Amino acid sequence: MFNPPNSYPNSGSYFDLLKRITQLVQKKKVDQQILQIVQQAFEKELSSENVVLSRPEKTRLLQQVTRAVLTEAITKISDIK
């Protein structure tokens, strides 16, 4: 897609744009929102299955589930065309 020369004044390089957008997304704490969504789903599933775990077991399981979900998301990101 062609953008006229002044369609984005002072937009800078691709890497400048990447930095600005990344900072804005980080400022909105999107990472915390993602983690919160995973944790809520995790808690709901534990509750629906009537699973009782010790605090360390629950923490470890949540970490492993979160890691698996994010790894899958990263794989899907790599497949975006």
PDB file of N, CA and C in Angstrom:
ATOM      1  N   MET A   1       0.848  -1.168   0.000  1.00  0.00           N
ATOM      2  CA  MET A   1       0.000   0.000   0.000  1.00  0.00           C
ATOM      3  C   MET A   1       0.894   1.232   0.000  1.00  0.00           C
ATOM      4  N   PHE A   2       0.534   2.211  -0.816  1.00  0.00           N
ATOM      5  CA  PHE A   2       1.326   3.423  -0.964  1.00  0.00           C
ATOM      6  C   PHE A   2       0.778   4.509  -0.066  1.00  0.00           C
ATOM      7  N   ASN A   3       1.640   5.089   0.726  1.00  0.00           N
ATOM      8  CA  ASN A   3       1.264   6.220   1.564  1.00  0.00           C
ATOM      9  C   ASN A   3       1.895   7.479   0.996  1.00  0.00           C
ATOM     10  N   PRO A   4       1.126   8.555   0.871  1.00  0.00           N
ATOM     11  CA  PRO A   4       1.715   9.805   0.406  1.00  0.00           C
ATOM     12  C   PRO A   4       2.846  10.221   1.338  1.00  0.00           C
ATOM     13  N   PRO A   5       3.803  10.989   0.833  1.00  0.00           N
ATOM     14  CA  PRO A   5       4.987  11.339   1.618  1.00  0.00           C
ATOM     15  C   PRO A   5       4.696  11.911   3.001  1.00  0.00           C
ATOM     16  N   ASN A   6       3.639  12.712   3.147  1.00  0.00           N
ATOM     17  CA  ASN A   6       3.369  13.343   4.443  1.00  0.00           C
ATOM     18  C   ASN A   6       2.165  12.744   5.166  1.00  0.00           C
ATOM     19  N   SER A   7       1.807  11.486   4.855  1.00  0.00           N
ATOM     20  CA  SER A   7       0.627  10.913   5.494  1.00  0.00           C
ATOM     21  C   SER A   7       0.868  10.669   6.983  1.00  0.00           C
ATOM     22  N   TYR A   8       2.104  10.407   7.365  1.00  0.00           N
ATOM     23  CA  TYR A   8       2.460  10.215   8.770  1.00  0.00           C
ATOM     24  C   TYR A   8       3.654  11.093   9.075  1.00  0.00           C
ATOM     25  N   PRO A   9       3.414  12.365   9.398  1.00  0.00           N
ATOM     26  CA  PRO A   9       4.533  13.265   9.624  1.00  0.00           C
ATOM     27  C   PRO A   9       5.414  12.783  10.775  1.00  0.00           C
ATOM     28  N   ASN A  10       6.710  12.876  10.581  1.00  0.00           N
ATOM     29  CA  ASN A  10       7.688  12.503  11.591  1.00  0.00           C
ATOM     30  C   ASN A  10       7.539  11.061  12.077  1.00  0.00           C
ATOM     31  N   SER A  11       7.121  10.172  11.181  1.00  0.00           N
ATOM     32  CA  SER A  11       6.906   8.797  11.602  1.00  0.00           C
ATOM     33  C   SER A  11       8.221   8.075  11.867  1.00  0.00           C
ATOM     34  N   GLY A  12       9.308   8.533  11.281  1.00  0.00           N
ATOM     35  CA  GLY A  12      10.601   7.910  11.520  1.00  0.00           C
ATOM     36  C   GLY A  12      10.713   6.572  10.822  1.00  0.00           C
ATOM     37  N   SER A  13      11.669   5.806  11.268  1.00  0.00           N
ATOM     38  CA  SER A  13      11.916   4.513  10.656  1.00  0.00           C
ATOM     39  C   SER A  13      10.946   3.465  11.182  1.00  0.00           C
ATOM     40  N   TYR A  14      10.988   2.320  10.567  1.00  0.00           N
ATOM     41  CA  TYR A  14      10.185   1.178  11.003  1.00  0.00           C
ATOM     42  C   TYR A  14      10.484   0.867  12.466  1.00  0.00           C
ATOM     43  N   PHE A  15      11.746   0.903  12.836  1.00  0.00           N
ATOM     44  CA  PHE A  15      12.137   0.569  14.201  1.00  0.00           C
ATOM     45  C   PHE A  15      11.669   1.622  15.204  1.00  0.00           C
ATOM     46  N   ASP A  16      11.599   2.871  14.779  1.00  0.00           N
ATOM     47  CA  ASP A  16      11.036   3.914  15.637  1.00  0.00           C
ATOM     48  C   ASP A  16       9.549   3.652  15.878  1.00  0.00           C
ATOM     49  N   LEU A  17       8.852   3.285  14.806  1.00  0.00           N
ATOM     50  CA  LEU A  17       7.429   2.966  14.910  1.00  0.00           C
ATOM     51  C   LEU A  17       7.230   1.753  15.818  1.00  0.00           C
ATOM     52  N   LEU A  18       8.033   0.731  15.627  1.00  0.00           N
ATOM     53  CA  LEU A  18       7.976  -0.461  16.462  1.00  0.00           C
ATOM     54  C   LEU A  18       8.166  -0.103  17.934  1.00  0.00           C
ATOM     55  N   LYS A  19       9.136   0.738  18.203  1.00  0.00           N
ATOM     56  CA  LYS A  19       9.419   1.149  19.581  1.00  0.00           C
ATOM     57  C   LYS A  19       8.241   1.911  20.180  1.00  0.00           C
ATOM     58  N   ARG A  20       7.694   2.863  19.423  1.00  0.00           N
ATOM     59  CA  ARG A  20       6.578   3.665  19.931  1.00  0.00           C
ATOM     60  C   ARG A  20       5.345   2.815  20.209  1.00  0.00           C
ATOM     61  N   ILE A  21       5.003   1.958  19.276  1.00  0.00           N
ATOM     62  CA  ILE A  21       3.810   1.129  19.460  1.00  0.00           C
ATOM     63  C   ILE A  21       4.024   0.138  20.596  1.00  0.00           C
ATOM     64  N   THR A  22       5.206  -0.442  20.678  1.00  0.00           N
ATOM     65  CA  THR A  22       5.511  -1.372  21.767  1.00  0.00           C
ATOM     66  C   THR A  22       5.382  -0.675  23.108  1.00  0.00           C
ATOM     67  N   GLN A  23       5.910   0.524  23.217  1.00  0.00           N
ATOM     68  CA  GLN A  23       5.815   1.277  24.473  1.00  0.00           C
ATOM     69  C   GLN A  23       4.364   1.585  24.832  1.00  0.00           C
ATOM     70  N   LEU A  24       3.552   1.937  23.828  1.00  0.00           N
ATOM     71  CA  LEU A  24       2.139   2.226  24.086  1.00  0.00           C
ATOM     72  C   LEU A  24       1.403   0.979  24.567  1.00  0.00           C
ATOM     73  N   VAL A  25       1.681  -0.148  23.930  1.00  0.00           N
ATOM     74  CA  VAL A  25       1.042  -1.408  24.332  1.00  0.00           C
ATOM     75  C   VAL A  25       1.486  -1.793  25.740  1.00  0.00           C
ATOM     76  N   GLN A  26       2.775  -1.613  26.029  1.00  0.00           N
ATOM     77  CA  GLN A  26       3.275  -1.925  27.364  1.00  0.00           C
ATOM     78  C   GLN A  26       2.677  -0.985  28.403  1.00  0.00           C
ATOM     79  N   LYS A  27       2.509   0.268  28.037  1.00  0.00           N
ATOM     80  CA  LYS A  27       1.921   1.244  28.961  1.00  0.00           C
ATOM     81  C   LYS A  27       0.487   0.856  29.320  1.00  0.00           C
ATOM     82  N   LYS A  28      -0.212   0.244  28.376  1.00  0.00           N
ATOM     83  CA  LYS A  28      -1.587  -0.202  28.625  1.00  0.00           C
ATOM     84  C   LYS A  28      -1.625  -1.542  29.358  1.00  0.00           C
ATOM     85  N   LYS A  29      -0.438  -2.061  29.680  1.00  0.00           N
ATOM     86  CA  LYS A  29      -0.297  -3.296  30.460  1.00  0.00           C
ATOM     87  C   LYS A  29      -1.047  -4.471  29.830  1.00  0.00           C
ATOM     88  N   VAL A  30      -0.903  -4.602  28.521  1.00  0.00           N
ATOM     89  CA  VAL A  30      -1.545  -5.696  27.813  1.00  0.00           C
ATOM     90  C   VAL A  30      -1.026  -7.045  28.317  1.00  0.00           C
ATOM     91  N   ASP A  31       0.253  -7.104  28.687  1.00  0.00           N
ATOM     92  CA  ASP A  31       0.802  -8.356  29.206  1.00  0.00           C
ATOM     93  C   ASP A  31       0.071  -8.794  30.468  1.00  0.00           C
ATOM     94  N   GLN A  32      -0.239  -7.854  31.341  1.00  0.00           N
ATOM     95  CA  GLN A  32      -0.971  -8.177  32.562  1.00  0.00           C
ATOM     96  C   GLN A  32      -2.400  -8.632  32.249  1.00  0.00           C
ATOM     97  N   GLN A  33      -2.998  -8.024  31.234  1.00  0.00           N
ATOM     98  CA  GLN A  33      -4.348  -8.417  30.836  1.00  0.00           C
ATOM     99  C   GLN A  33      -4.355  -9.847  30.310  1.00  0.00           C
ATOM    100  N   ILE A  34      -3.356 -10.191  29.516  1.00  0.00           N
ATOM    101  CA  ILE A  34      -3.249 -11.552  28.981  1.00  0.00           C
ATOM    102  C   ILE A  34      -3.073 -12.548  30.120  1.00  0.00           C
ATOM    103  N   LEU A  35      -2.176 -12.248  31.041  1.00  0.00           N
ATOM    104  CA  LEU A  35      -1.946 -13.145  32.171  1.00  0.00           C
ATOM    105  C   LEU A  35      -3.207 -13.291  33.018  1.00  0.00           C
ATOM    106  N   GLN A  36      -3.932 -12.217  33.193  1.00  0.00           N
ATOM    107  CA  GLN A  36      -5.164 -12.255  33.978  1.00  0.00           C
ATOM    108  C   GLN A  36      -6.207 -13.151  33.308  1.00  0.00           C
ATOM    109  N   ILE A  37      -6.319 -13.071  31.994  1.00  0.00           N
ATOM    110  CA  ILE A  37      -7.267 -13.911  31.255  1.00  0.00           C
ATOM    111  C   ILE A  37      -6.914 -15.386  31.421  1.00  0.00           C
ATOM    112  N   VAL A  38      -5.626 -15.707  31.297  1.00  0.00           N
ATOM    113  CA  VAL A  38      -5.190 -17.095  31.464  1.00  0.00           C
ATOM    114  C   VAL A  38      -5.480 -17.561  32.886  1.00  0.00           C
ATOM    115  N   GLN A  39      -5.173 -16.728  33.865  1.00  0.00           N
ATOM    116  CA  GLN A  39      -5.392 -17.120  35.258  1.00  0.00           C
ATOM    117  C   GLN A  39      -6.877 -17.332  35.553  1.00  0.00           C
ATOM    118  N   GLN A  40      -7.729 -16.477  35.017  1.00  0.00           N
ATOM    119  CA  GLN A  40      -9.169 -16.634  35.236  1.00  0.00           C
ATOM    120  C   GLN A  40      -9.679 -17.938  34.624  1.00  0.00           C
ATOM    121  N   ALA A  41      -9.231 -18.246  33.417  1.00  0.00           N
ATOM    122  CA  ALA A  41      -9.634 -19.491  32.766  1.00  0.00           C
ATOM    123  C   ALA A  41      -9.115 -20.693  33.553  1.00  0.00           C
ATOM    124  N   PHE A  42      -7.883 -20.584  34.033  1.00  0.00           N
ATOM    125  CA  PHE A  42      -7.259 -21.632  34.832  1.00  0.00           C
ATOM    126  C   PHE A  42      -8.076 -21.887  36.108  1.00  0.00           C
ATOM    127  N   GLU A  43      -8.398 -20.824  36.831  1.00  0.00           N
ATOM    128  CA  GLU A  43      -9.161 -20.944  38.069  1.00  0.00           C
ATOM    129  C   GLU A  43     -10.541 -21.552  37.804  1.00  0.00           C
ATOM    130  N   LYS A  44     -11.167 -21.132  36.722  1.00  0.00           N
ATOM    131  CA  LYS A  44     -12.489 -21.648  36.370  1.00  0.00           C
ATOM    132  C   LYS A  44     -12.420 -23.145  36.099  1.00  0.00           C
ATOM    133  N   GLU A  45     -11.411 -23.578  35.358  1.00  0.00           N
ATOM    134  CA  GLU A  45     -11.269 -25.005  35.049  1.00  0.00           C
ATOM    135  C   GLU A  45     -10.968 -25.822  36.295  1.00  0.00           C
ATOM    136  N   LEU A  46     -10.091 -25.315  37.150  1.00  0.00           N
ATOM    137  CA  LEU A  46      -9.813 -26.027  38.405  1.00  0.00           C
ATOM    138  C   LEU A  46     -11.093 -26.184  39.218  1.00  0.00           C
ATOM    139  N   SER A  47     -11.851 -25.134  39.285  1.00  0.00           N
ATOM    140  CA  SER A  47     -13.093 -25.155  40.049  1.00  0.00           C
ATOM    141  C   SER A  47     -14.101 -26.128  39.438  1.00  0.00           C
ATOM    142  N   SER A  48     -14.247 -26.099  38.132  1.00  0.00           N
ATOM    143  CA  SER A  48     -15.236 -26.962  37.476  1.00  0.00           C
ATOM    144  C   SER A  48     -14.868 -28.439  37.587  1.00  0.00           C
ATOM    145  N   GLU A  49     -13.577 -28.728  37.724  1.00  0.00           N
ATOM    146  CA  GLU A  49     -13.129 -30.111  37.867  1.00  0.00           C
ATOM    147  C   GLU A  49     -12.958 -30.514  39.332  1.00  0.00           C
ATOM    148  N   ASN A  50     -13.303 -29.613  40.229  1.00  0.00           N
ATOM    149  CA  ASN A  50     -13.175 -29.872  41.670  1.00  0.00           C
ATOM    150  C   ASN A  50     -11.779 -30.368  42.047  1.00  0.00           C
ATOM    151  N   VAL A  51     -10.769 -29.738  41.486  1.00  0.00           N
ATOM    152  CA  VAL A  51      -9.391 -30.102  41.774  1.00  0.00           C
ATOM    153  C   VAL A  51      -8.891 -29.262  42.945  1.00  0.00           C
ATOM    154  N   VAL A  52      -8.300 -29.939  43.912  1.00  0.00           N
ATOM    155  CA  VAL A  52      -7.724 -29.251  45.059  1.00  0.00           C
ATOM    156  C   VAL A  52      -6.216 -29.481  45.010  1.00  0.00           C
ATOM    157  N   LEU A  53      -5.466 -28.396  44.985  1.00  0.00           N
ATOM    158  CA  LEU A  53      -4.014 -28.461  44.935  1.00  0.00           C
ATOM    159  C   LEU A  53      -3.430 -27.630  46.057  1.00  0.00           C
ATOM    160  N   SER A  54      -2.225 -27.989  46.464  1.00  0.00           N
ATOM    161  CA  SER A  54      -1.518 -27.137  47.412  1.00  0.00           C
ATOM    162  C   SER A  54      -1.136 -25.857  46.681  1.00  0.00           C
ATOM    163  N   ARG A  55      -0.798 -24.834  47.422  1.00  0.00           N
ATOM    164  CA  ARG A  55      -0.420 -23.560  46.807  1.00  0.00           C
ATOM    165  C   ARG A  55       0.767 -23.716  45.852  1.00  0.00           C
ATOM    166  N   PRO A  56       1.845 -24.429  46.256  1.00  0.00           N
ATOM    167  CA  PRO A  56       2.965 -24.600  45.320  1.00  0.00           C
ATOM    168  C   PRO A  56       2.581 -25.390  44.059  1.00  0.00           C
ATOM    169  N   GLU A  57       1.723 -26.401  44.217  1.00  0.00           N
ATOM    170  CA  GLU A  57       1.282 -27.177  43.049  1.00  0.00           C
ATOM    171  C   GLU A  57       0.454 -26.311  42.110  1.00  0.00           C
ATOM    172  N   LYS A  58      -0.423 -25.524  42.695  1.00  0.00           N
ATOM    173  CA  LYS A  58      -1.283 -24.638  41.900  1.00  0.00           C
ATOM    174  C   LYS A  58      -0.445 -23.606  41.155  1.00  0.00           C
ATOM    175  N   THR A  59       0.536 -23.041  41.832  1.00  0.00           N
ATOM    176  CA  THR A  59       1.427 -22.052  41.214  1.00  0.00           C
ATOM    177  C   THR A  59       2.204 -22.677  40.065  1.00  0.00           C
ATOM    178  N   ARG A  60       2.757 -23.847  40.313  1.00  0.00           N
ATOM    179  CA  ARG A  60       3.542 -24.527  39.270  1.00  0.00           C
ATOM    180  C   ARG A  60       2.665 -24.890  38.072  1.00  0.00           C
ATOM    181  N   LEU A  61       1.475 -25.399  38.332  1.00  0.00           N
ATOM    182  CA  LEU A  61       0.565 -25.764  37.244  1.00  0.00           C
ATOM    183  C   LEU A  61       0.153 -24.530  36.446  1.00  0.00           C
ATOM    184  N   LEU A  62      -0.146 -23.436  37.137  1.00  0.00           N
ATOM    185  CA  LEU A  62      -0.505 -22.191  36.436  1.00  0.00           C
ATOM    186  C   LEU A  62       0.651 -21.715  35.571  1.00  0.00           C
ATOM    187  N   GLN A  63       1.863 -21.777  36.084  1.00  0.00           N
ATOM    188  CA  GLN A  63       3.031 -21.377  35.291  1.00  0.00           C
ATOM    189  C   GLN A  63       3.172 -22.239  34.046  1.00  0.00           C
ATOM    190  N   GLN A  64       2.991 -23.538  34.198  1.00  0.00           N
ATOM    191  CA  GLN A  64       3.138 -24.445  33.061  1.00  0.00           C
ATOM    192  C   GLN A  64       2.032 -24.239  32.030  1.00  0.00           C
ATOM    193  N   VAL A  65       0.805 -24.055  32.502  1.00  0.00           N
ATOM    194  CA  VAL A  65      -0.309 -23.800  31.589  1.00  0.00           C
ATOM    195  C   VAL A  65      -0.088 -22.488  30.846  1.00  0.00           C
ATOM    196  N   THR A  66       0.298 -21.452  31.572  1.00  0.00           N
ATOM    197  CA  THR A  66       0.539 -20.144  30.958  1.00  0.00           C
ATOM    198  C   THR A  66       1.648 -20.237  29.918  1.00  0.00           C
ATOM    199  N   ARG A  67       2.721 -20.918  30.260  1.00  0.00           N
ATOM    200  CA  ARG A  67       3.832 -21.093  29.320  1.00  0.00           C
ATOM    201  C   ARG A  67       3.363 -21.824  28.060  1.00  0.00           C
ATOM    202  N   ALA A  68       2.554 -22.865  28.215  1.00  0.00           N
ATOM    203  CA  ALA A  68       2.050 -23.622  27.068  1.00  0.00           C
ATOM    204  C   ALA A  68       1.153 -22.756  26.185  1.00  0.00           C
ATOM    205  N   VAL A  69       0.271 -21.980  26.811  1.00  0.00           N
ATOM    206  CA  VAL A  69      -0.642 -21.112  26.060  1.00  0.00           C
ATOM    207  C   VAL A  69       0.140 -20.046  25.298  1.00  0.00           C
ATOM    208  N   LEU A  70       1.113 -19.416  25.965  1.00  0.00           N
ATOM    209  CA  LEU A  70       1.895 -18.361  25.307  1.00  0.00           C
ATOM    210  C   LEU A  70       2.803 -18.920  24.219  1.00  0.00           C
ATOM    211  N   THR A  71       3.331 -20.124  24.429  1.00  0.00           N
ATOM    212  CA  THR A  71       4.159 -20.762  23.397  1.00  0.00           C
ATOM    213  C   THR A  71       3.321 -21.028  22.153  1.00  0.00           C
ATOM    214  N   GLU A  72       2.101 -21.502  22.355  1.00  0.00           N
ATOM    215  CA  GLU A  72       1.205 -21.736  21.219  1.00  0.00           C
ATOM    216  C   GLU A  72       0.872 -20.422  20.519  1.00  0.00           C
ATOM    217  N   ALA A  73       0.639 -19.366  21.296  1.00  0.00           N
ATOM    218  CA  ALA A  73       0.346 -18.055  20.704  1.00  0.00           C
ATOM    219  C   ALA A  73       1.529 -17.559  19.882  1.00  0.00           C
ATOM    220  N   ILE A  74       2.741 -17.738  20.399  1.00  0.00           N
ATOM    221  CA  ILE A  74       3.941 -17.316  19.666  1.00  0.00           C
ATOM    222  C   ILE A  74       4.064 -18.090  18.363  1.00  0.00           C
ATOM    223  N   THR A  75       3.754 -19.378  18.392  1.00  0.00           N
ATOM    224  CA  THR A  75       3.787 -20.189  17.174  1.00  0.00           C
ATOM    225  C   THR A  75       2.796 -19.651  16.156  1.00  0.00           C
ATOM    226  N   LYS A  76       1.600 -19.294  16.622  1.00  0.00           N
ATOM    227  CA  LYS A  76       0.590 -18.753  15.716  1.00  0.00           C
ATOM    228  C   LYS A  76       1.017 -17.407  15.153  1.00  0.00           C
ATOM    229  N   ILE A  77       1.689 -16.604  15.957  1.00  0.00           N
ATOM    230  CA  ILE A  77       2.188 -15.314  15.487  1.00  0.00           C
ATOM    231  C   ILE A  77       3.183 -15.526  14.357  1.00  0.00           C
ATOM    232  N   SER A  78       4.021 -16.529  14.493  1.00  0.00           N
ATOM    233  CA  SER A  78       5.027 -16.831  13.467  1.00  0.00           C
ATOM    234  C   SER A  78       4.379 -17.240  12.155  1.00  0.00           C
ATOM    235  N   ASP A  79       3.153 -17.764  12.217  1.00  0.00           N
ATOM    236  CA  ASP A  79       2.461 -18.226  11.021  1.00  0.00           C
ATOM    237  C   ASP A  79       1.661 -17.123  10.323  1.00  0.00           C
ATOM    238  N   ILE A  80       1.585 -15.939  10.923  1.00  0.00           N
ATOM    239  CA  ILE A  80       0.839 -14.825  10.322  1.00  0.00           C
ATOM    240  C   ILE A  80       1.514 -14.410   9.020  1.00  0.00           C
ATOM    241  N   LYS A  81       0.707 -14.222   8.012  1.00  0.00           N
ATOM    242  CA  LYS A  81       1.257 -13.830   6.698  1.00  0.00           C
ATOM    243  C   LYS A  81       0.812 -12.453   6.339  1.00  0.00           C
TER     244      LYS A  81
END
